[in-house]
């Protein structure tokens, strides 16, 4: 086994700090602004981009990097708040669809400015355009390796 060298360790520790702290910072901001966790916001945002703003719960869970069980619990709460609706899939009786409601679209519209401001202040305001480009390249390469594993 080859241990991380000093340069790798100097990059690894802040990266782990970022991975550990960023979700909490985004959660805090979204809970304060619109009463949603970052995961809940992500569920609604993924639905907003889906065809007809509807998709199978299993696909939604995958895209949100959550288990179907976690998504079902969150969807129940979001449905109770009028932000999404669940229905039986007409082509596959074993599947459930989740669809974004008008209330969900409105909440996303209201949440977006504050969320973007938080993301900018925590991440992008610190970097030049070239650093943002490099950050995106590095993140895509890491995600691709994780998905291929």
C-alpha atoms as a PDB file:
ATOM      1  CA  UNK A   1       0.000   0.000   0.000  1.00  0.00           C
ATOM      2  CA  UNK A   2       1.269   3.433  -0.907  1.00  0.00           C
ATOM      3  CA  UNK A   3       0.324   6.165   1.577  1.00  0.00           C
ATOM      4  CA  UNK A   4      -0.613   9.656   0.480  1.00  0.00           C
ATOM      5  CA  UNK A   5       2.415  11.893   0.151  1.00  0.00           C
ATOM      6  CA  UNK A   6       2.556  15.341   1.763  1.00  0.00           C
ATOM      7  CA  UNK A   7       1.182  17.140  -1.310  1.00  0.00           C
ATOM      8  CA  UNK A   8      -1.684  14.667  -1.712  1.00  0.00           C
ATOM      9  CA  UNK A   9      -2.505  14.885   1.996  1.00  0.00           C
ATOM     10  CA  UNK A  10      -2.467  18.689   1.786  1.00  0.00           C
ATOM     11  CA  UNK A  11      -5.159  18.414  -0.938  1.00  0.00           C
ATOM     12  CA  UNK A  12      -7.083  15.495   0.585  1.00  0.00           C
ATOM     13  CA  UNK A  13      -7.790  16.985   4.007  1.00  0.00           C
ATOM     14  CA  UNK A  14      -9.421  20.183   2.706  1.00  0.00           C
ATOM     15  CA  UNK A  15     -11.368  18.151   0.125  1.00  0.00           C
ATOM     16  CA  UNK A  16     -12.785  15.944   2.882  1.00  0.00           C
ATOM     17  CA  UNK A  17     -13.567  19.078   4.893  1.00  0.00           C
ATOM     18  CA  UNK A  18     -15.479  20.438   1.903  1.00  0.00           C
ATOM     19  CA  UNK A  19     -17.376  17.187   1.362  1.00  0.00           C
ATOM     20  CA  UNK A  20     -18.301  17.056   5.047  1.00  0.00           C
ATOM     21  CA  UNK A  21     -19.245  20.722   5.585  1.00  0.00           C
ATOM     22  CA  UNK A  22     -20.850  21.907   2.338  1.00  0.00           C
ATOM     23  CA  UNK A  23     -24.042  19.812   2.631  1.00  0.00           C
ATOM     24  CA  UNK A  24     -24.664  21.182   6.134  1.00  0.00           C
ATOM     25  CA  UNK A  25     -24.098  24.760   5.016  1.00  0.00           C
ATOM     26  CA  UNK A  26     -26.531  24.318   2.113  1.00  0.00           C
ATOM     27  CA  UNK A  27     -29.047  22.606   4.418  1.00  0.00           C
ATOM     28  CA  UNK A  28     -28.844  25.453   6.917  1.00  0.00           C
ATOM     29  CA  UNK A  29     -29.405  28.109   4.271  1.00  0.00           C
ATOM     30  CA  UNK A  30     -32.338  26.325   2.617  1.00  0.00           C
ATOM     31  CA  UNK A  31     -34.000  25.455   5.935  1.00  0.00           C
ATOM     32  CA  UNK A  32     -33.711  29.074   7.022  1.00  0.00           C
ATOM     33  CA  UNK A  33     -34.996  30.469   3.728  1.00  0.00           C
ATOM     34  CA  UNK A  34     -37.717  27.997   2.655  1.00  0.00           C
ATOM     35  CA  UNK A  35     -37.921  25.238   5.282  1.00  0.00           C
ATOM     36  CA  UNK A  36     -36.408  22.505   3.070  1.00  0.00           C
ATOM     37  CA  UNK A  37     -33.308  20.375   3.431  1.00  0.00           C
ATOM     38  CA  UNK A  38     -30.813  20.353   0.588  1.00  0.00           C
ATOM     39  CA  UNK A  39     -31.962  16.815  -0.281  1.00  0.00           C
ATOM     40  CA  UNK A  40     -35.620  17.932  -0.437  1.00  0.00           C
ATOM     41  CA  UNK A  41     -34.673  20.906  -2.603  1.00  0.00           C
ATOM     42  CA  UNK A  42     -32.713  18.540  -4.856  1.00  0.00           C
ATOM     43  CA  UNK A  43     -35.736  16.264  -5.256  1.00  0.00           C
ATOM     44  CA  UNK A  44     -37.883  19.175  -6.384  1.00  0.00           C
ATOM     45  CA  UNK A  45     -35.145  20.569  -8.636  1.00  0.00           C
ATOM     46  CA  UNK A  46     -34.650  17.200 -10.366  1.00  0.00           C
ATOM     47  CA  UNK A  47     -38.405  16.901 -10.921  1.00  0.00           C
ATOM     48  CA  UNK A  48     -38.480  20.412 -12.372  1.00  0.00           C
ATOM     49  CA  UNK A  49     -35.975  19.342 -15.049  1.00  0.00           C
ATOM     50  CA  UNK A  50     -37.727  16.043 -15.853  1.00  0.00           C
ATOM     51  CA  UNK A  51     -39.989  15.524 -18.837  1.00  0.00           C
ATOM     52  CA  UNK A  52     -43.487  16.636 -17.793  1.00  0.00           C
ATOM     53  CA  UNK A  53     -41.896  17.362 -14.398  1.00  0.00           C
ATOM     54  CA  UNK A  54     -42.652  13.735 -13.469  1.00  0.00           C
ATOM     55  CA  UNK A  55     -40.510  10.638 -13.019  1.00  0.00           C
ATOM     56  CA  UNK A  56     -40.427   7.222 -11.396  1.00  0.00           C
ATOM     57  CA  UNK A  57     -39.526   7.300  -7.751  1.00  0.00           C
ATOM     58  CA  UNK A  58     -36.720   4.771  -8.316  1.00  0.00           C
ATOM     59  CA  UNK A  59     -35.135   6.982 -10.990  1.00  0.00           C
ATOM     60  CA  UNK A  60     -35.576  10.057  -8.803  1.00  0.00           C
ATOM     61  CA  UNK A  61     -33.876   8.289  -5.874  1.00  0.00           C
ATOM     62  CA  UNK A  62     -30.928   7.394  -8.101  1.00  0.00           C
ATOM     63  CA  UNK A  63     -30.560  10.928  -9.483  1.00  0.00           C
ATOM     64  CA  UNK A  64     -30.772  12.416  -5.984  1.00  0.00           C
ATOM     65  CA  UNK A  65     -28.219   9.913  -4.636  1.00  0.00           C
ATOM     66  CA  UNK A  66     -30.651   8.620  -2.032  1.00  0.00           C
ATOM     67  CA  UNK A  67     -32.266   5.316  -1.219  1.00  0.00           C
ATOM     68  CA  UNK A  68     -35.822   4.623  -2.315  1.00  0.00           C
ATOM     69  CA  UNK A  69     -36.739   4.366   1.362  1.00  0.00           C
ATOM     70  CA  UNK A  70     -35.331   7.824   2.129  1.00  0.00           C
ATOM     71  CA  UNK A  71     -37.008   9.304  -0.933  1.00  0.00           C
ATOM     72  CA  UNK A  72     -40.357   7.733   0.004  1.00  0.00           C
ATOM     73  CA  UNK A  73     -40.183   9.338   3.437  1.00  0.00           C
ATOM     74  CA  UNK A  74     -39.232  12.731   1.963  1.00  0.00           C
ATOM     75  CA  UNK A  75     -41.871  12.457  -0.791  1.00  0.00           C
ATOM     76  CA  UNK A  76     -44.554  11.792   1.826  1.00  0.00           C
ATOM     77  CA  UNK A  77     -43.625  15.030   3.591  1.00  0.00           C
ATOM     78  CA  UNK A  78     -43.351  17.041   0.361  1.00  0.00           C
ATOM     79  CA  UNK A  79     -46.685  15.643  -0.804  1.00  0.00           C
ATOM     80  CA  UNK A  80     -48.255  16.635   2.508  1.00  0.00           C
ATOM     81  CA  UNK A  81     -46.943  20.152   1.944  1.00  0.00           C
ATOM     82  CA  UNK A  82     -48.451  20.228  -1.561  1.00  0.00           C
ATOM     83  CA  UNK A  83     -45.065  20.359  -3.310  1.00  0.00           C
ATOM     84  CA  UNK A  84     -45.268  17.074  -5.192  1.00  0.00           C
ATOM     85  CA  UNK A  85     -47.835  14.425  -5.951  1.00  0.00           C
ATOM     86  CA  UNK A  86     -47.353  10.664  -6.166  1.00  0.00           C
ATOM     87  CA  UNK A  87     -49.361   8.400  -8.436  1.00  0.00           C
ATOM     88  CA  UNK A  88     -49.285   4.868  -9.812  1.00  0.00           C
ATOM     89  CA  UNK A  89     -47.299   4.461 -13.007  1.00  0.00           C
ATOM     90  CA  UNK A  90     -49.798   3.733 -15.820  1.00  0.00           C
ATOM     91  CA  UNK A  91     -47.327   1.513 -17.704  1.00  0.00           C
ATOM     92  CA  UNK A  92     -45.866  -0.380 -14.729  1.00  0.00           C
ATOM     93  CA  UNK A  93     -48.120  -1.123 -11.795  1.00  0.00           C
ATOM     94  CA  UNK A  94     -45.106  -1.803  -9.571  1.00  0.00           C
ATOM     95  CA  UNK A  95     -43.755   1.736  -9.949  1.00  0.00           C
ATOM     96  CA  UNK A  96     -44.806   5.003  -8.411  1.00  0.00           C
ATOM     97  CA  UNK A  97     -44.444   8.351 -10.159  1.00  0.00           C
ATOM     98  CA  UNK A  98     -43.594  11.635  -8.476  1.00  0.00           C
ATOM     99  CA  UNK A  99     -44.683  14.883 -10.088  1.00  0.00           C
ATOM    100  CA  UNK A 100     -43.967  18.488  -9.267  1.00  0.00           C
ATOM    101  CA  UNK A 101     -47.016  20.562  -8.320  1.00  0.00           C
ATOM    102  CA  UNK A 102     -47.642  24.259  -8.878  1.00  0.00           C
ATOM    103  CA  UNK A 103     -46.753  24.732  -5.209  1.00  0.00           C
ATOM    104  CA  UNK A 104     -43.440  22.961  -5.760  1.00  0.00           C
ATOM    105  CA  UNK A 105     -42.647  25.131  -8.773  1.00  0.00           C
ATOM    106  CA  UNK A 106     -43.472  28.262  -6.796  1.00  0.00           C
ATOM    107  CA  UNK A 107     -41.298  27.181  -3.880  1.00  0.00           C
ATOM    108  CA  UNK A 108     -38.378  26.545  -6.251  1.00  0.00           C
ATOM    109  CA  UNK A 109     -38.835  29.987  -7.813  1.00  0.00           C
ATOM    110  CA  UNK A 110     -38.824  31.545  -4.350  1.00  0.00           C
ATOM    111  CA  UNK A 111     -35.878  29.478  -3.090  1.00  0.00           C
ATOM    112  CA  UNK A 112     -33.622  29.851  -6.126  1.00  0.00           C
ATOM    113  CA  UNK A 113     -32.300  33.396  -5.535  1.00  0.00           C
ATOM    114  CA  UNK A 114     -31.213  32.684  -1.963  1.00  0.00           C
ATOM    115  CA  UNK A 115     -29.782  29.287  -2.894  1.00  0.00           C
ATOM    116  CA  UNK A 116     -27.775  30.769  -5.760  1.00  0.00           C
ATOM    117  CA  UNK A 117     -26.522  33.533  -3.462  1.00  0.00           C
ATOM    118  CA  UNK A 118     -25.390  30.938  -0.909  1.00  0.00           C
ATOM    119  CA  UNK A 119     -23.628  28.839  -3.550  1.00  0.00           C
ATOM    120  CA  UNK A 120     -21.916  31.919  -4.964  1.00  0.00           C
ATOM    121  CA  UNK A 121     -20.794  33.190  -1.563  1.00  0.00           C
ATOM    122  CA  UNK A 122     -19.551  29.797  -0.361  1.00  0.00           C
ATOM    123  CA  UNK A 123     -17.848  28.699  -3.571  1.00  0.00           C
ATOM    124  CA  UNK A 124     -17.688  30.810  -6.689  1.00  0.00           C
ATOM    125  CA  UNK A 125     -16.973  34.278  -5.275  1.00  0.00           C
ATOM    126  CA  UNK A 126     -13.569  32.991  -4.140  1.00  0.00           C
ATOM    127  CA  UNK A 127     -12.419  31.880  -7.582  1.00  0.00           C
ATOM    128  CA  UNK A 128     -11.385  33.395 -10.888  1.00  0.00           C
ATOM    129  CA  UNK A 129     -13.189  32.250 -14.048  1.00  0.00           C
ATOM    130  CA  UNK A 130     -10.217  29.986 -14.863  1.00  0.00           C
ATOM    131  CA  UNK A 131     -10.346  28.442 -11.374  1.00  0.00           C
ATOM    132  CA  UNK A 132     -14.103  27.843 -11.767  1.00  0.00           C
ATOM    133  CA  UNK A 133     -13.429  26.088 -15.087  1.00  0.00           C
ATOM    134  CA  UNK A 134     -10.714  23.944 -13.475  1.00  0.00           C
ATOM    135  CA  UNK A 135     -12.915  23.149 -10.484  1.00  0.00           C
ATOM    136  CA  UNK A 136     -15.633  21.930 -12.841  1.00  0.00           C
ATOM    137  CA  UNK A 137     -13.166  19.798 -14.800  1.00  0.00           C
ATOM    138  CA  UNK A 138     -11.741  18.213 -11.658  1.00  0.00           C
ATOM    139  CA  UNK A 139     -15.172  17.559 -10.163  1.00  0.00           C
ATOM    140  CA  UNK A 140     -16.413  15.904 -13.373  1.00  0.00           C
ATOM    141  CA  UNK A 141     -13.344  13.645 -13.472  1.00  0.00           C
ATOM    142  CA  UNK A 142     -13.798  12.580  -9.850  1.00  0.00           C
ATOM    143  CA  UNK A 143     -17.530  11.933 -10.315  1.00  0.00           C
ATOM    144  CA  UNK A 144     -16.838   9.881 -13.452  1.00  0.00           C
ATOM    145  CA  UNK A 145     -14.336   7.718 -11.551  1.00  0.00           C
ATOM    146  CA  UNK A 146     -16.803   7.211  -8.708  1.00  0.00           C
ATOM    147  CA  UNK A 147     -19.571   6.237 -11.128  1.00  0.00           C
ATOM    148  CA  UNK A 148     -17.269   3.841 -12.973  1.00  0.00           C
ATOM    149  CA  UNK A 149     -16.179   2.088  -9.758  1.00  0.00           C
END
